[in-house]
């Protein structure tokens, strides 16, 4: 009997954050130089770090280490929300782009909290 192990791509929070980071990248890359250099880099970094921290936590051995990185990911969601709102106020995104990114970001805290709870329940240490 083959035992199936959880893979990174099986984690909903990771796949949603990964997709969203590529979506934001594709938008920011088209901004003018000043907007990209001042806001775009920060927005892309914060949104990239959501999935990156989930991936790093997934690769850690201990429960506390894993959860620590999942919490970093949660913080990156909040930072990304700030950059998103600044992008909207500065007319760098269409209403549709803003609404899509916002709706995806609003789902991530629940997914990350589920991941933290799952890790707490399934791992011994």
N, C-alpha and C. Protein backbone atom coordinates (compact mmCIF):
# COMPACT_ATOMS: atom_id res chain seq x y z
N UNK A 1 0.84 -1.18 0.00
CA UNK A 1 0.00 0.00 0.00
C UNK A 1 0.89 1.25 0.00
N UNK A 2 0.65 2.14 -0.95
CA UNK A 2 1.42 3.37 -1.06
C UNK A 2 0.76 4.48 -0.25
N UNK A 3 1.54 5.09 0.61
CA UNK A 3 1.04 6.20 1.40
C UNK A 3 1.28 7.49 0.64
N UNK A 4 0.25 8.32 0.50
CA UNK A 4 0.38 9.59 -0.21
C UNK A 4 0.76 10.67 0.79
N UNK A 5 1.84 11.36 0.49
CA UNK A 5 2.29 12.44 1.33
C UNK A 5 1.79 13.77 0.78
N UNK A 6 1.50 14.70 1.67
CA UNK A 6 1.06 16.02 1.28
C UNK A 6 2.17 16.73 0.52
N UNK A 7 1.82 17.30 -0.60
CA UNK A 7 2.76 18.06 -1.43
C UNK A 7 2.41 19.55 -1.35
N UNK A 8 3.38 20.39 -1.60
CA UNK A 8 3.16 21.83 -1.56
C UNK A 8 2.01 22.25 -2.47
N UNK A 9 1.96 21.67 -3.65
CA UNK A 9 0.90 22.03 -4.61
C UNK A 9 -0.50 21.62 -4.14
N UNK A 10 -0.58 20.80 -3.08
CA UNK A 10 -1.87 20.38 -2.52
C UNK A 10 -2.42 21.38 -1.52
N UNK A 11 -1.64 22.37 -1.16
CA UNK A 11 -2.05 23.34 -0.15
C UNK A 11 -2.75 24.51 -0.84
N UNK A 12 -4.03 24.65 -0.55
CA UNK A 12 -4.85 25.67 -1.20
C UNK A 12 -4.32 27.08 -1.03
N UNK A 13 -3.87 27.43 0.16
CA UNK A 13 -3.34 28.77 0.41
C UNK A 13 -2.12 29.03 -0.46
N UNK A 14 -1.28 28.02 -0.62
CA UNK A 14 -0.08 28.19 -1.45
C UNK A 14 -0.45 28.40 -2.92
N UNK A 15 -1.30 27.55 -3.46
CA UNK A 15 -1.62 27.65 -4.88
C UNK A 15 -2.35 28.96 -5.19
N UNK A 16 -3.25 29.39 -4.30
CA UNK A 16 -3.95 30.66 -4.52
C UNK A 16 -2.98 31.83 -4.47
N UNK A 17 -2.07 31.82 -3.50
CA UNK A 17 -1.09 32.90 -3.37
C UNK A 17 -0.11 32.90 -4.54
N UNK A 18 0.29 31.73 -4.99
CA UNK A 18 1.21 31.62 -6.12
C UNK A 18 0.57 32.20 -7.39
N UNK A 19 -0.68 31.82 -7.64
CA UNK A 19 -1.40 32.33 -8.81
C UNK A 19 -1.54 33.85 -8.72
N UNK A 20 -1.92 34.34 -7.54
CA UNK A 20 -2.12 35.77 -7.36
C UNK A 20 -0.81 36.55 -7.56
N UNK A 21 0.29 35.99 -7.10
CA UNK A 21 1.57 36.69 -7.26
C UNK A 21 1.94 36.85 -8.73
N UNK A 22 1.65 35.86 -9.53
CA UNK A 22 1.92 35.96 -10.96
C UNK A 22 0.98 36.94 -11.65
N UNK A 23 -0.26 36.98 -11.19
CA UNK A 23 -1.22 37.95 -11.73
C UNK A 23 -0.75 39.38 -11.46
N UNK A 24 -0.34 39.64 -10.21
CA UNK A 24 0.13 40.98 -9.85
C UNK A 24 1.41 41.32 -10.61
N UNK A 25 2.30 40.35 -10.74
CA UNK A 25 3.55 40.59 -11.50
C UNK A 25 3.23 41.06 -12.91
N UNK A 26 2.29 40.36 -13.57
CA UNK A 26 1.93 40.71 -14.94
C UNK A 26 1.36 42.12 -15.06
N UNK A 27 0.73 42.61 -14.00
CA UNK A 27 0.20 43.98 -14.02
C UNK A 27 1.31 45.00 -13.75
N UNK A 28 2.07 44.76 -12.69
CA UNK A 28 3.08 45.72 -12.26
C UNK A 28 4.17 45.91 -13.31
N UNK A 29 4.51 44.86 -14.01
CA UNK A 29 5.58 44.92 -15.01
C UNK A 29 5.27 45.94 -16.12
N UNK A 30 4.00 46.28 -16.28
CA UNK A 30 3.57 47.21 -17.33
C UNK A 30 3.46 48.65 -16.84
N UNK A 31 3.67 48.88 -15.54
CA UNK A 31 3.58 50.24 -15.02
C UNK A 31 4.74 51.08 -15.53
N UNK A 32 4.60 52.40 -15.45
CA UNK A 32 5.70 53.29 -15.83
C UNK A 32 6.86 53.12 -14.85
N UNK A 33 8.03 53.61 -15.24
CA UNK A 33 9.24 53.38 -14.46
C UNK A 33 9.10 53.86 -13.01
N UNK A 34 8.63 55.07 -12.80
CA UNK A 34 8.53 55.61 -11.45
C UNK A 34 7.60 54.76 -10.58
N UNK A 35 6.45 54.40 -11.09
CA UNK A 35 5.49 53.59 -10.33
C UNK A 35 6.04 52.21 -10.01
N UNK A 36 6.72 51.61 -11.00
CA UNK A 36 7.35 50.30 -10.76
C UNK A 36 8.44 50.39 -9.71
N UNK A 37 9.27 51.41 -9.83
CA UNK A 37 10.43 51.53 -8.95
C UNK A 37 10.04 51.85 -7.52
N UNK A 38 9.01 52.66 -7.32
CA UNK A 38 8.63 53.06 -5.97
C UNK A 38 7.64 52.11 -5.33
N UNK A 39 6.58 51.79 -6.01
CA UNK A 39 5.51 50.97 -5.44
C UNK A 39 5.50 49.54 -5.98
N UNK A 40 5.74 49.41 -7.25
CA UNK A 40 5.61 48.11 -7.90
C UNK A 40 6.52 47.05 -7.30
N UNK A 41 7.76 47.42 -7.05
CA UNK A 41 8.71 46.46 -6.46
C UNK A 41 8.23 46.01 -5.09
N UNK A 42 7.76 46.95 -4.29
CA UNK A 42 7.29 46.61 -2.94
C UNK A 42 6.03 45.74 -2.99
N UNK A 43 5.12 46.08 -3.89
CA UNK A 43 3.89 45.32 -4.04
C UNK A 43 4.20 43.90 -4.50
N UNK A 44 5.06 43.79 -5.51
CA UNK A 44 5.43 42.46 -6.01
C UNK A 44 6.14 41.64 -4.94
N UNK A 45 7.03 42.26 -4.19
CA UNK A 45 7.75 41.54 -3.13
C UNK A 45 6.81 41.06 -2.04
N UNK A 46 5.90 41.92 -1.62
CA UNK A 46 5.00 41.53 -0.53
C UNK A 46 4.07 40.41 -0.97
N UNK A 47 3.57 40.49 -2.19
CA UNK A 47 2.64 39.46 -2.66
C UNK A 47 3.39 38.17 -2.96
N UNK A 48 4.64 38.28 -3.46
CA UNK A 48 5.46 37.08 -3.67
C UNK A 48 5.77 36.38 -2.35
N UNK A 49 5.95 37.15 -1.30
CA UNK A 49 6.36 36.54 -0.03
C UNK A 49 5.24 35.75 0.63
N UNK A 50 4.00 35.93 0.20
CA UNK A 50 2.90 35.13 0.76
C UNK A 50 3.15 33.65 0.44
N UNK A 51 3.26 33.33 -0.84
CA UNK A 51 3.48 31.92 -1.22
C UNK A 51 4.88 31.46 -0.83
N UNK A 52 5.86 32.36 -0.89
CA UNK A 52 7.24 31.97 -0.55
C UNK A 52 7.35 31.55 0.91
N UNK A 53 6.70 32.27 1.80
CA UNK A 53 6.74 31.90 3.22
C UNK A 53 5.97 30.62 3.51
N UNK A 54 4.88 30.40 2.79
CA UNK A 54 4.17 29.13 2.94
C UNK A 54 5.08 27.99 2.49
N UNK A 55 5.76 28.19 1.37
CA UNK A 55 6.68 27.16 0.86
C UNK A 55 7.81 26.90 1.85
N UNK A 56 8.38 27.97 2.40
CA UNK A 56 9.48 27.79 3.35
C UNK A 56 9.00 27.08 4.61
N UNK A 57 7.84 27.46 5.10
CA UNK A 57 7.28 26.79 6.27
C UNK A 57 7.01 25.32 5.99
N UNK A 58 6.49 25.03 4.82
CA UNK A 58 6.21 23.65 4.44
C UNK A 58 7.48 22.81 4.46
N UNK A 59 8.59 23.43 4.10
CA UNK A 59 9.87 22.72 4.05
C UNK A 59 10.56 22.57 5.40
N UNK A 60 10.04 23.20 6.42
CA UNK A 60 10.63 23.10 7.76
C UNK A 60 10.18 21.82 8.43
N UNK A 61 11.00 21.37 9.38
CA UNK A 61 10.72 20.10 10.04
C UNK A 61 9.76 20.25 11.22
N UNK A 62 10.04 21.16 12.10
CA UNK A 62 9.26 21.28 13.33
C UNK A 62 8.00 22.09 13.17
N UNK A 63 7.02 21.77 14.00
CA UNK A 63 5.73 22.44 13.97
C UNK A 63 5.88 23.95 14.22
N UNK A 64 6.67 24.32 15.22
CA UNK A 64 6.83 25.74 15.55
C UNK A 64 7.46 26.51 14.39
N UNK A 65 8.46 25.92 13.76
CA UNK A 65 9.09 26.56 12.59
C UNK A 65 8.08 26.74 11.46
N UNK A 66 7.32 25.69 11.18
CA UNK A 66 6.33 25.75 10.11
C UNK A 66 5.34 26.89 10.37
N UNK A 67 4.79 26.89 11.57
CA UNK A 67 3.77 27.88 11.92
C UNK A 67 4.33 29.29 11.89
N UNK A 68 5.56 29.46 12.30
CA UNK A 68 6.20 30.77 12.26
C UNK A 68 6.19 31.34 10.84
N UNK A 69 6.56 30.52 9.87
CA UNK A 69 6.57 31.00 8.48
C UNK A 69 5.17 31.20 7.94
N UNK A 70 4.22 30.39 8.37
CA UNK A 70 2.84 30.60 7.94
C UNK A 70 2.33 31.94 8.49
N UNK A 71 2.76 32.29 9.68
CA UNK A 71 2.37 33.59 10.25
C UNK A 71 3.05 34.75 9.51
N UNK A 72 4.29 34.56 9.08
CA UNK A 72 4.93 35.57 8.24
C UNK A 72 4.10 35.79 6.97
N UNK A 73 3.61 34.69 6.43
CA UNK A 73 2.79 34.76 5.22
C UNK A 73 1.54 35.60 5.47
N UNK A 74 0.94 35.40 6.63
CA UNK A 74 -0.25 36.18 7.00
C UNK A 74 0.09 37.67 7.04
N UNK A 75 1.25 38.01 7.61
CA UNK A 75 1.69 39.39 7.64
C UNK A 75 1.89 39.96 6.25
N UNK A 76 2.39 39.14 5.35
CA UNK A 76 2.58 39.59 3.97
C UNK A 76 1.25 39.86 3.27
N UNK A 77 0.21 39.13 3.66
CA UNK A 77 -1.13 39.41 3.12
C UNK A 77 -1.53 40.83 3.51
N UNK A 78 -1.33 41.17 4.77
CA UNK A 78 -1.71 42.50 5.25
C UNK A 78 -0.87 43.60 4.58
N UNK A 79 0.41 43.35 4.40
CA UNK A 79 1.25 44.32 3.69
C UNK A 79 0.76 44.48 2.25
N UNK A 80 0.43 43.38 1.61
CA UNK A 80 -0.06 43.42 0.22
C UNK A 80 -1.36 44.21 0.12
N UNK A 81 -2.22 44.09 1.13
CA UNK A 81 -3.46 44.86 1.13
C UNK A 81 -3.16 46.36 1.13
N UNK A 82 -2.14 46.76 1.88
CA UNK A 82 -1.75 48.17 1.91
C UNK A 82 -1.28 48.63 0.53
N UNK A 83 -0.40 47.86 -0.10
CA UNK A 83 0.09 48.24 -1.43
C UNK A 83 -1.05 48.23 -2.45
N UNK A 84 -1.97 47.30 -2.31
CA UNK A 84 -3.12 47.25 -3.21
C UNK A 84 -3.94 48.53 -3.09
N UNK A 85 -4.22 48.94 -1.87
CA UNK A 85 -5.01 50.15 -1.67
C UNK A 85 -4.30 51.40 -2.17
N UNK A 86 -2.99 51.46 -1.99
CA UNK A 86 -2.22 52.58 -2.53
C UNK A 86 -2.26 52.57 -4.05
N UNK A 87 -2.17 51.39 -4.64
CA UNK A 87 -2.23 51.27 -6.11
C UNK A 87 -3.57 51.76 -6.64
N UNK A 88 -4.62 51.46 -5.91
CA UNK A 88 -5.96 51.91 -6.32
C UNK A 88 -6.05 53.43 -6.22
N UNK A 89 -5.63 53.98 -5.09
CA UNK A 89 -5.71 55.42 -4.86
C UNK A 89 -4.88 56.21 -5.88
N UNK A 90 -3.81 55.61 -6.37
CA UNK A 90 -2.92 56.29 -7.31
C UNK A 90 -3.23 55.94 -8.77
N UNK A 91 -4.39 55.30 -8.96
CA UNK A 91 -4.91 54.99 -10.30
C UNK A 91 -3.98 54.12 -11.13
N UNK A 92 -3.34 53.16 -10.48
CA UNK A 92 -2.45 52.23 -11.19
C UNK A 92 -3.16 50.94 -11.58
N UNK A 93 -4.35 50.72 -11.05
CA UNK A 93 -5.12 49.51 -11.35
C UNK A 93 -6.51 49.90 -11.82
N UNK A 94 -7.07 49.08 -12.69
CA UNK A 94 -8.47 49.27 -13.05
C UNK A 94 -9.33 48.79 -11.88
N UNK A 95 -10.57 49.15 -11.91
CA UNK A 95 -11.51 48.71 -10.87
C UNK A 95 -11.59 47.19 -10.85
N UNK A 96 -11.61 46.58 -12.03
CA UNK A 96 -11.70 45.12 -12.13
C UNK A 96 -10.45 44.45 -11.55
N UNK A 97 -9.28 45.00 -11.88
CA UNK A 97 -8.04 44.45 -11.35
C UNK A 97 -8.01 44.56 -9.82
N UNK A 98 -8.36 45.74 -9.32
CA UNK A 98 -8.41 45.93 -7.87
C UNK A 98 -9.36 44.93 -7.22
N UNK A 99 -10.57 44.82 -7.77
CA UNK A 99 -11.58 43.93 -7.17
C UNK A 99 -11.12 42.48 -7.16
N UNK A 100 -10.47 42.04 -8.23
CA UNK A 100 -9.99 40.65 -8.28
C UNK A 100 -8.91 40.41 -7.23
N UNK A 101 -7.90 41.28 -7.20
CA UNK A 101 -6.80 41.11 -6.24
C UNK A 101 -7.33 41.19 -4.82
N UNK A 102 -8.20 42.15 -4.57
CA UNK A 102 -8.77 42.31 -3.23
C UNK A 102 -9.55 41.08 -2.80
N UNK A 103 -10.37 40.55 -3.68
CA UNK A 103 -11.16 39.36 -3.31
C UNK A 103 -10.27 38.16 -3.02
N UNK A 104 -9.19 38.02 -3.77
CA UNK A 104 -8.26 36.91 -3.53
C UNK A 104 -7.49 37.11 -2.23
N UNK A 105 -7.06 38.33 -1.96
CA UNK A 105 -6.35 38.61 -0.70
C UNK A 105 -7.25 38.39 0.51
N UNK A 106 -8.53 38.72 0.38
CA UNK A 106 -9.46 38.54 1.50
C UNK A 106 -9.68 37.07 1.86
N UNK A 107 -9.48 36.17 0.91
CA UNK A 107 -9.64 34.74 1.16
C UNK A 107 -8.42 34.13 1.86
N UNK A 108 -7.26 34.71 1.67
CA UNK A 108 -6.01 34.09 2.13
C UNK A 108 -5.88 33.97 3.65
N UNK A 109 -6.28 34.96 4.46
CA UNK A 109 -6.12 34.77 5.90
C UNK A 109 -6.84 33.52 6.43
N UNK A 110 -8.03 33.27 5.93
CA UNK A 110 -8.77 32.07 6.36
C UNK A 110 -8.02 30.80 5.95
N UNK A 111 -7.49 30.78 4.73
CA UNK A 111 -6.73 29.62 4.25
C UNK A 111 -5.45 29.42 5.04
N UNK A 112 -4.79 30.51 5.36
CA UNK A 112 -3.55 30.42 6.14
C UNK A 112 -3.85 29.97 7.57
N UNK A 113 -4.91 30.51 8.15
CA UNK A 113 -5.29 30.07 9.50
C UNK A 113 -5.67 28.59 9.52
N UNK A 114 -6.32 28.12 8.46
CA UNK A 114 -6.62 26.69 8.36
C UNK A 114 -5.33 25.88 8.31
N UNK A 115 -4.37 26.35 7.55
CA UNK A 115 -3.08 25.68 7.44
C UNK A 115 -2.39 25.61 8.80
N UNK A 116 -2.44 26.69 9.55
CA UNK A 116 -1.86 26.71 10.89
C UNK A 116 -2.57 25.71 11.80
N UNK A 117 -3.89 25.70 11.77
CA UNK A 117 -4.67 24.76 12.59
C UNK A 117 -4.38 23.31 12.20
N UNK A 118 -4.33 23.05 10.91
CA UNK A 118 -4.03 21.70 10.41
C UNK A 118 -2.66 21.25 10.90
N UNK A 119 -1.67 22.15 10.81
CA UNK A 119 -0.32 21.83 11.25
C UNK A 119 -0.30 21.56 12.75
N UNK A 120 -1.02 22.37 13.51
CA UNK A 120 -1.09 22.17 14.96
C UNK A 120 -1.71 20.82 15.32
N UNK A 121 -2.71 20.40 14.59
CA UNK A 121 -3.41 19.16 14.89
C UNK A 121 -2.64 17.92 14.43
N UNK A 122 -1.99 17.99 13.29
CA UNK A 122 -1.39 16.79 12.68
C UNK A 122 0.03 16.51 13.11
N UNK A 123 0.78 17.54 13.48
CA UNK A 123 2.18 17.32 13.84
C UNK A 123 2.34 17.22 15.36
N UNK A 124 3.21 16.33 15.78
CA UNK A 124 3.43 16.14 17.22
C UNK A 124 4.35 17.21 17.79
N UNK A 125 5.38 17.58 17.05
CA UNK A 125 6.33 18.59 17.55
C UNK A 125 6.77 19.53 16.47
